[in-house]
Protein backbone atom coordinates (compact mmCIF):
# COMPACT_ATOMS: atom_id res chain seq x y z
CA MET A 1 163.06 122.40 80.15
CA SER A 2 163.27 119.13 77.24
CA ALA A 3 160.37 120.59 75.01
CA LEU A 4 162.10 124.17 75.26
CA THR A 5 165.63 123.13 75.01
CA SER A 6 164.54 121.50 71.48
CA LEU A 7 163.35 124.37 69.96
CA LYS A 8 166.13 126.41 68.15
CA SER A 9 167.40 129.21 70.20
CA ASP A 10 165.87 132.37 68.68
CA GLU A 11 162.16 130.33 68.56
CA GLU A 12 159.50 130.17 71.20
CA ILE A 13 156.59 127.84 71.77
CA GLN A 14 153.11 129.15 72.85
CA PHE A 15 151.73 128.15 76.31
CA SER A 16 148.73 126.41 75.15
CA SER A 17 150.84 124.51 72.54
CA LEU A 18 152.80 123.30 75.22
CA ALA A 19 150.53 122.20 77.82
CA LYS A 20 148.51 120.52 74.30
CA MET A 21 151.66 118.57 73.75
CA LEU A 22 152.62 117.55 77.45
CA GLN A 23 149.16 116.92 78.10
CA VAL A 24 148.74 118.84 81.25
CA THR A 25 146.16 121.86 82.54
CA ASP A 26 147.40 125.58 81.94
CA GLY A 27 147.37 125.55 86.16
CA ASN A 28 149.87 122.76 86.34
CA LEU A 29 152.11 123.70 83.83
CA GLY A 30 151.99 127.38 84.84
CA ALA A 31 153.25 126.38 88.29
CA HIS A 32 156.12 124.52 86.96
CA LEU A 33 157.37 127.49 84.24
CA LEU A 34 156.98 130.01 87.41
CA LYS A 35 159.80 128.13 89.34
CA LEU A 36 161.75 127.87 85.53
CA GLU A 37 160.96 132.10 85.48
CA GLU A 38 162.21 132.68 88.68
CA ALA A 39 165.06 130.28 87.93
CA GLY A 40 166.26 132.54 84.80
CA TYR A 41 165.87 129.47 82.46
CA MET A 42 163.15 130.76 80.30
CA VAL A 43 162.17 134.02 78.97
CA VAL A 44 158.34 134.53 78.87
CA SER A 45 156.77 137.14 76.51
CA LYS A 46 153.23 137.93 76.14
CA THR A 47 151.34 139.31 73.49
CA PHE A 48 147.89 140.40 72.10
CA VAL A 49 146.53 138.35 68.86
CA ASP A 50 143.12 139.70 67.32
CA ARG A 51 142.78 141.16 70.94
CA LYS A 52 143.23 137.74 72.08
CA PRO A 53 146.14 137.44 74.85
CA ARG A 54 149.12 135.17 73.86
CA THR A 55 151.79 134.18 76.10
CA TYR A 56 155.38 132.59 74.29
CA LEU A 57 157.95 130.58 76.14
CA LYS A 58 161.53 130.11 75.04
CA ALA A 59 164.48 128.66 76.99
CA SER A 60 166.87 131.11 78.16
CA ASN A 61 170.89 130.81 77.49
CA LYS A 62 171.07 130.23 81.48
CA GLY A 63 168.38 127.45 80.95
CA ARG A 64 169.49 125.89 78.08
CA ALA A 65 173.36 125.31 79.80
CA ALA A 66 171.68 124.33 82.88
CA PHE A 67 169.44 121.50 81.00
CA ASP A 68 173.13 120.27 79.36
CA ASP A 69 174.43 120.19 82.69
CA HIS A 70 171.33 117.98 84.13
CA VAL A 71 171.69 115.66 80.79
CA GLU A 72 175.24 115.29 81.07
CA ALA A 73 174.83 114.23 85.06
CA LEU A 74 172.21 111.62 84.03
CA ARG A 75 174.50 110.23 81.90
CA GLN A 76 177.23 109.95 84.17
CA ILE A 77 175.09 108.16 86.48
CA LEU A 78 174.25 105.75 84.07
CA GLY A 79 177.58 105.23 83.19
CA LYS A 80 177.35 106.59 79.53
CA GLN A 81 179.67 108.88 78.02
CA PRO A 82 178.35 111.60 74.71
CA GLU A 83 179.48 110.57 71.88
CA LYS A 84 182.12 112.79 70.31
CA GLU A 85 180.90 114.60 67.04
């Protein structure tokens, strides 16, 4: 989720690029992403480029909110409050 939420809300990343960035196998990443998709935390779109399938991923609004909540919970556990802008 951290990789997906680091993108702008209208940006997406190709599955293979994310797997390479995270240094995980396609199968491992696919299993994790399935759970995120089932929870509604990410959006998957599939297309073809030069007759080859491409899968693109992006964090949903629900996923971004859940990740923000998670990060805030971690900050509280660590005893740190976010700085005000």
